[in-house]
Amino acid sequence: MNTVPLWLAVAVIGFLGIKLIRPPWWLVALLLLGGFLLADSILAPAIGTAIK
């Protein structure tokens, strides 16, 4: 069975979310920046364990 890379799945879901829901661009930028900063925090191992 073929698997889809995570980055491709996230890109497709993000593209569809932006096209269908049409959130403001500042909210998209805020969520991306928040996710980037959270990934480099001390909470990253706990989040990684929770999503696996």
Protein backbone atom coordinates (compact mmCIF):
# COMPACT_ATOMS: atom_id res chain seq x y z
CA MET A 1 0.00 0.00 0.00
CA ASN A 2 1.32 3.44 -0.89
CA THR A 3 1.63 6.12 1.75
CA VAL A 4 1.25 9.87 1.37
CA PRO A 5 4.03 12.06 2.77
CA LEU A 6 2.91 14.19 5.72
CA TRP A 7 3.97 17.44 4.06
CA LEU A 8 1.81 16.67 1.02
CA ALA A 9 -1.24 15.85 3.15
CA VAL A 10 -0.80 19.04 5.18
CA ALA A 11 -0.36 21.12 2.01
CA VAL A 12 -3.53 19.70 0.41
CA ILE A 13 -5.61 20.13 3.58
CA GLY A 14 -4.27 23.66 4.03
CA PHE A 15 -4.99 24.59 0.41
CA LEU A 16 -8.55 23.24 0.60
CA GLY A 17 -9.11 24.94 3.95
CA ILE A 18 -8.03 28.30 2.57
CA LYS A 19 -10.14 27.92 -0.57
CA LEU A 20 -13.30 26.63 1.16
CA ILE A 21 -13.31 28.44 4.52
CA ARG A 22 -11.52 31.61 3.39
CA PRO A 23 -9.93 32.64 6.70
CA PRO A 24 -8.23 36.04 6.86
CA TRP A 25 -4.57 35.94 5.85
CA TRP A 26 -3.43 37.34 9.19
CA LEU A 27 -4.99 34.33 10.92
CA VAL A 28 -3.20 31.92 8.58
CA ALA A 29 0.12 33.70 9.21
CA LEU A 30 -0.50 33.70 12.97
CA LEU A 31 -1.24 29.97 13.05
CA LEU A 32 1.83 29.15 10.94
CA LEU A 33 4.08 31.29 13.11
CA GLY A 34 2.59 29.85 16.30
CA GLY A 35 3.09 26.29 15.07
CA PHE A 36 6.67 27.04 14.09
CA LEU A 37 7.46 28.54 17.49
CA LEU A 38 5.66 25.74 19.34
CA ALA A 39 7.67 23.11 17.46
CA ASP A 40 10.87 24.60 18.90
CA SER A 41 9.58 24.86 22.47
CA ILE A 42 9.87 22.53 25.47
CA LEU A 43 6.34 21.31 24.68
CA ALA A 44 7.41 19.74 21.39
CA PRO A 45 8.16 16.25 22.81
CA ALA A 46 4.78 16.14 24.56
CA ILE A 47 2.97 17.20 21.39
CA GLY A 48 4.90 14.65 19.34
CA THR A 49 3.92 11.89 21.77
CA ALA A 50 0.27 12.99 21.76
CA ILE A 51 -0.12 12.92 17.98
CA LYS A 52 1.54 9.51 17.49
